[in-house]
Structure formats: C-alpha cells, structure tokens
Amino acid sequence: MVTNKSDGNGLGLSISQTLIDQHQGTIEVDSWPGQTAFSIFIPVIQDNEGSK
C-alpha cells in the first residue's frame, strides 16, 4: 500500500479494486515520469427491454 499523504494509509486503490471487481470491471494503470493515470472499465448490462 502506498500513499503520498502524511496521514494517509494507502487503502484507496485497494478499496477501488474491490469495488470494481464486484461489478465485473477492470482497472488499468499507465505511468510515466511524474504522472500516473488509472482507467476504470465497468460493463453496461441491458435488461430484457433493452434499456440500460
């Protein structure tokens, strides 16, 4: 677990991953010097009537 805050505990990404997993989604990370970007993908499921 990693944090850049003096009073942080580093649980944010772990909690996010758990929630995304519960919705059958994925999380991807792209990192380059000085920046990191996370992409979250959660599937959209249509009901029998075709509405979202």
PDB file of N, CA and C in Angstrom:
ATOM      1  N   MET A   1       0.843  -1.175   0.000  1.00  0.00           N
ATOM      2  CA  MET A   1       0.000   0.000   0.000  1.00  0.00           C
ATOM      3  C   MET A   1       0.884   1.233   0.000  1.00  0.00           C
ATOM      4  N   VAL A   2       0.490   2.209  -0.782  1.00  0.00           N
ATOM      5  CA  VAL A   2       1.310   3.392  -0.966  1.00  0.00           C
ATOM      6  C   VAL A   2       0.443   4.632  -0.789  1.00  0.00           C
ATOM      7  N   THR A   3       0.987   5.654  -0.183  1.00  0.00           N
ATOM      8  CA  THR A   3       0.317   6.942  -0.069  1.00  0.00           C
ATOM      9  C   THR A   3       1.359   8.046  -0.139  1.00  0.00           C
ATOM     10  N   ASN A   4       0.938   9.210  -0.589  1.00  0.00           N
ATOM     11  CA  ASN A   4       1.837  10.357  -0.579  1.00  0.00           C
ATOM     12  C   ASN A   4       1.370  11.399   0.429  1.00  0.00           C
ATOM     13  N   LYS A   5       0.380  11.054   1.243  1.00  0.00           N
ATOM     14  CA  LYS A   5      -0.139  11.959   2.261  1.00  0.00           C
ATOM     15  C   LYS A   5       0.452  11.591   3.620  1.00  0.00           C
ATOM     16  N   SER A   6       0.776  12.597   4.408  1.00  0.00           N
ATOM     17  CA  SER A   6       1.404  12.335   5.711  1.00  0.00           C
ATOM     18  C   SER A   6       0.485  11.546   6.640  1.00  0.00           C
ATOM     19  N   ASP A   7      -0.828  11.700   6.498  1.00  0.00           N
ATOM     20  CA  ASP A   7      -1.761  10.971   7.358  1.00  0.00           C
ATOM     21  C   ASP A   7      -2.535   9.894   6.592  1.00  0.00           C
ATOM     22  N   GLY A   8      -2.069   9.514   5.407  1.00  0.00           N
ATOM     23  CA  GLY A   8      -2.752   8.506   4.597  1.00  0.00           C
ATOM     24  C   GLY A   8      -2.390   7.095   5.004  1.00  0.00           C
ATOM     25  N   ASN A   9      -3.258   6.142   4.595  1.00  0.00           N
ATOM     26  CA  ASN A   9      -2.979   4.747   4.915  1.00  0.00           C
ATOM     27  C   ASN A   9      -2.821   3.888   3.665  1.00  0.00           C
ATOM     28  N   GLY A  10      -2.989   4.463   2.487  1.00  0.00           N
ATOM     29  CA  GLY A  10      -2.746   3.738   1.255  1.00  0.00           C
ATOM     30  C   GLY A  10      -3.813   2.739   0.870  1.00  0.00           C
ATOM     31  N   LEU A  11      -5.018   2.874   1.383  1.00  0.00           N
ATOM     32  CA  LEU A  11      -6.083   1.910   1.089  1.00  0.00           C
ATOM     33  C   LEU A  11      -6.938   2.279  -0.119  1.00  0.00           C
ATOM     34  N   GLY A  12      -6.813   3.458  -0.659  1.00  0.00           N
ATOM     35  CA  GLY A  12      -7.688   3.925  -1.735  1.00  0.00           C
ATOM     36  C   GLY A  12      -7.726   3.011  -2.940  1.00  0.00           C
ATOM     37  N   LEU A  13      -6.581   2.625  -3.462  1.00  0.00           N
ATOM     38  CA  LEU A  13      -6.540   1.779  -4.648  1.00  0.00           C
ATOM     39  C   LEU A  13      -7.043   0.380  -4.337  1.00  0.00           C
ATOM     40  N   SER A  14      -6.746  -0.136  -3.169  1.00  0.00           N
ATOM     41  CA  SER A  14      -7.219  -1.458  -2.769  1.00  0.00           C
ATOM     42  C   SER A  14      -8.743  -1.491  -2.682  1.00  0.00           C
ATOM     43  N   ILE A  15      -9.327  -0.482  -2.073  1.00  0.00           N
ATOM     44  CA  ILE A  15     -10.785  -0.394  -1.967  1.00  0.00           C
ATOM     45  C   ILE A  15     -11.392  -0.233  -3.359  1.00  0.00           C
ATOM     46  N   SER A  16     -10.791   0.605  -4.192  1.00  0.00           N
ATOM     47  CA  SER A  16     -11.285   0.801  -5.560  1.00  0.00           C
ATOM     48  C   SER A  16     -11.282  -0.510  -6.330  1.00  0.00           C
ATOM     49  N   GLN A  17     -10.196  -1.265  -6.229  1.00  0.00           N
ATOM     50  CA  GLN A  17     -10.097  -2.542  -6.936  1.00  0.00           C
ATOM     51  C   GLN A  17     -11.190  -3.507  -6.479  1.00  0.00           C
ATOM     52  N   THR A  18     -11.464  -3.549  -5.195  1.00  0.00           N
ATOM     53  CA  THR A  18     -12.514  -4.426  -4.666  1.00  0.00           C
ATOM     54  C   THR A  18     -13.873  -4.054  -5.243  1.00  0.00           C
ATOM     55  N   LEU A  19     -14.193  -2.768  -5.262  1.00  0.00           N
ATOM     56  CA  LEU A  19     -15.489  -2.323  -5.800  1.00  0.00           C
ATOM     57  C   LEU A  19     -15.604  -2.607  -7.297  1.00  0.00           C
ATOM     58  N   ILE A  20     -14.532  -2.364  -8.024  1.00  0.00           N
ATOM     59  CA  ILE A  20     -14.533  -2.618  -9.469  1.00  0.00           C
ATOM     60  C   ILE A  20     -14.690  -4.113  -9.740  1.00  0.00           C
ATOM     61  N   ASP A  21     -13.999  -4.949  -8.979  1.00  0.00           N
ATOM     62  CA  ASP A  21     -14.140  -6.405  -9.119  1.00  0.00           C
ATOM     63  C   ASP A  21     -15.570  -6.860  -8.860  1.00  0.00           C
ATOM     64  N   GLN A  22     -16.222  -6.276  -7.875  1.00  0.00           N
ATOM     65  CA  GLN A  22     -17.599  -6.651  -7.541  1.00  0.00           C
ATOM     66  C   GLN A  22     -18.557  -6.368  -8.693  1.00  0.00           C
ATOM     67  N   HIS A  23     -18.189  -5.456  -9.572  1.00  0.00           N
ATOM     68  CA  HIS A  23     -19.032  -5.109 -10.720  1.00  0.00           C
ATOM     69  C   HIS A  23     -18.481  -5.695 -12.020  1.00  0.00           C
ATOM     70  N   GLN A  24     -17.627  -6.699 -11.902  1.00  0.00           N
ATOM     71  CA  GLN A  24     -17.008  -7.383 -13.033  1.00  0.00           C
ATOM     72  C   GLN A  24     -16.287  -6.414 -13.964  1.00  0.00           C
ATOM     73  N   GLY A  25     -15.688  -5.397 -13.397  1.00  0.00           N
ATOM     74  CA  GLY A  25     -14.941  -4.417 -14.178  1.00  0.00           C
ATOM     75  C   GLY A  25     -13.448  -4.662 -14.110  1.00  0.00           C
ATOM     76  N   THR A  26     -12.724  -3.767 -14.744  1.00  0.00           N
ATOM     77  CA  THR A  26     -11.265  -3.840 -14.718  1.00  0.00           C
ATOM     78  C   THR A  26     -10.702  -2.447 -14.454  1.00  0.00           C
ATOM     79  N   ILE A  27      -9.495  -2.427 -13.953  1.00  0.00           N
ATOM     80  CA  ILE A  27      -8.778  -1.172 -13.742  1.00  0.00           C
ATOM     81  C   ILE A  27      -7.402  -1.343 -14.378  1.00  0.00           C
ATOM     82  N   GLU A  28      -6.996  -0.336 -15.138  1.00  0.00           N
ATOM     83  CA  GLU A  28      -5.688  -0.360 -15.793  1.00  0.00           C
ATOM     84  C   GLU A  28      -4.896   0.855 -15.343  1.00  0.00           C
ATOM     85  N   VAL A  29      -3.596   0.724 -15.347  1.00  0.00           N
ATOM     86  CA  VAL A  29      -2.730   1.825 -14.927  1.00  0.00           C
ATOM     87  C   VAL A  29      -1.711   2.118 -16.017  1.00  0.00           C
ATOM     88  N   ASP A  30      -1.452   3.390 -16.217  1.00  0.00           N
ATOM     89  CA  ASP A  30      -0.409   3.832 -17.138  1.00  0.00           C
ATOM     90  C   ASP A  30       0.406   4.871 -16.378  1.00  0.00           C
ATOM     91  N   SER A  31       1.711   4.687 -16.341  1.00  0.00           N
ATOM     92  CA  SER A  31       2.552   5.568 -15.551  1.00  0.00           C
ATOM     93  C   SER A  31       3.754   6.013 -16.365  1.00  0.00           C
ATOM     94  N   TRP A  32       4.110   7.267 -16.208  1.00  0.00           N
ATOM     95  CA  TRP A  32       5.283   7.835 -16.835  1.00  0.00           C
ATOM     96  C   TRP A  32       5.871   8.828 -15.841  1.00  0.00           C
ATOM     97  N   PRO A  33       7.068   9.282 -16.034  1.00  0.00           N
ATOM     98  CA  PRO A  33       7.720  10.131 -15.027  1.00  0.00           C
ATOM     99  C   PRO A  33       6.851  11.319 -14.586  1.00  0.00           C
ATOM    100  N   GLY A  34       6.544  11.335 -13.309  1.00  0.00           N
ATOM    101  CA  GLY A  34       5.791  12.441 -12.730  1.00  0.00           C
ATOM    102  C   GLY A  34       4.285  12.312 -12.814  1.00  0.00           C
ATOM    103  N   GLN A  35       3.762  11.300 -13.493  1.00  0.00           N
ATOM    104  CA  GLN A  35       2.308  11.155 -13.626  1.00  0.00           C
ATOM    105  C   GLN A  35       1.908   9.690 -13.659  1.00  0.00           C
ATOM    106  N   THR A  36       0.713   9.424 -13.164  1.00  0.00           N
ATOM    107  CA  THR A  36       0.114   8.092 -13.229  1.00  0.00           C
ATOM    108  C   THR A  36      -1.359   8.273 -13.539  1.00  0.00           C
ATOM    109  N   ALA A  37      -1.883   7.467 -14.462  1.00  0.00           N
ATOM    110  CA  ALA A  37      -3.295   7.536 -14.841  1.00  0.00           C
ATOM    111  C   ALA A  37      -3.928   6.166 -14.665  1.00  0.00           C
ATOM    112  N   PHE A  38      -5.116   6.138 -14.095  1.00  0.00           N
ATOM    113  CA  PHE A  38      -5.881   4.911 -13.933  1.00  0.00           C
ATOM    114  C   PHE A  38      -7.107   4.987 -14.827  1.00  0.00           C
ATOM    115  N   SER A  39      -7.403   3.898 -15.518  1.00  0.00           N
ATOM    116  CA  SER A  39      -8.610   3.791 -16.337  1.00  0.00           C
ATOM    117  C   SER A  39      -9.485   2.705 -15.729  1.00  0.00           C
ATOM    118  N   ILE A  40     -10.759   3.014 -15.544  1.00  0.00           N
ATOM    119  CA  ILE A  40     -11.708   2.074 -14.946  1.00  0.00           C
ATOM    120  C   ILE A  40     -12.754   1.726 -15.993  1.00  0.00           C
ATOM    121  N   PHE A  41     -12.981   0.428 -16.168  1.00  0.00           N
ATOM    122  CA  PHE A  41     -13.955  -0.065 -17.131  1.00  0.00           C
ATOM    123  C   PHE A  41     -14.966  -0.938 -16.395  1.00  0.00           C
ATOM    124  N   ILE A  42     -16.239  -0.551 -16.448  1.00  0.00           N
ATOM    125  CA  ILE A  42     -17.317  -1.321 -15.826  1.00  0.00           C
ATOM    126  C   ILE A  42     -18.345  -1.612 -16.921  1.00  0.00           C
ATOM    127  N   PRO A  43     -18.710  -2.887 -17.111  1.00  0.00           N
ATOM    128  CA  PRO A  43     -19.631  -3.234 -18.188  1.00  0.00           C
ATOM    129  C   PRO A  43     -21.037  -2.681 -17.961  1.00  0.00           C
ATOM    130  N   VAL A  44     -21.688  -2.355 -19.049  1.00  0.00           N
ATOM    131  CA  VAL A  44     -23.084  -1.915 -19.020  1.00  0.00           C
ATOM    132  C   VAL A  44     -23.932  -3.125 -19.402  1.00  0.00           C
ATOM    133  N   ILE A  45     -24.901  -3.438 -18.558  1.00  0.00           N
ATOM    134  CA  ILE A  45     -25.752  -4.598 -18.802  1.00  0.00           C
ATOM    135  C   ILE A  45     -27.159  -4.099 -19.140  1.00  0.00           C
ATOM    136  N   GLN A  46     -27.697  -4.575 -20.246  1.00  0.00           N
ATOM    137  CA  GLN A  46     -29.042  -4.197 -20.653  1.00  0.00           C
ATOM    138  C   GLN A  46     -30.035  -5.235 -20.138  1.00  0.00           C
ATOM    139  N   ASP A  47     -31.215  -4.758 -19.717  1.00  0.00           N
ATOM    140  CA  ASP A  47     -32.247  -5.703 -19.313  1.00  0.00           C
ATOM    141  C   ASP A  47     -32.999  -6.231 -20.540  1.00  0.00           C
ATOM    142  N   ASN A  48     -33.992  -7.052 -20.342  1.00  0.00           N
ATOM    143  CA  ASN A  48     -34.727  -7.689 -21.443  1.00  0.00           C
ATOM    144  C   ASN A  48     -35.459  -6.694 -22.322  1.00  0.00           C
ATOM    145  N   GLU A  49     -35.750  -5.505 -21.815  1.00  0.00           N
ATOM    146  CA  GLU A  49     -36.471  -4.489 -22.578  1.00  0.00           C
ATOM    147  C   GLU A  49     -35.525  -3.587 -23.368  1.00  0.00           C
ATOM    148  N   GLY A  50     -34.228  -3.787 -23.233  1.00  0.00           N
ATOM    149  CA  GLY A  50     -33.254  -3.017 -23.979  1.00  0.00           C
ATOM    150  C   GLY A  50     -32.833  -1.717 -23.339  1.00  0.00           C
ATOM    151  N   SER A  51     -33.372  -1.391 -22.158  1.00  0.00           N
ATOM    152  CA  SER A  51     -32.945  -0.148 -21.503  1.00  0.00           C
ATOM    153  C   SER A  51     -31.711  -0.424 -20.681  1.00  0.00           C
ATOM    154  N   LYS A  52     -30.965   0.624 -20.368  1.00  0.00           N
ATOM    155  CA  LYS A  52     -29.733   0.495 -19.589  1.00  0.00           C
ATOM    156  C   LYS A  52     -30.006   0.732 -18.135  1.00  0.00           C
TER     157      LYS A  52
END
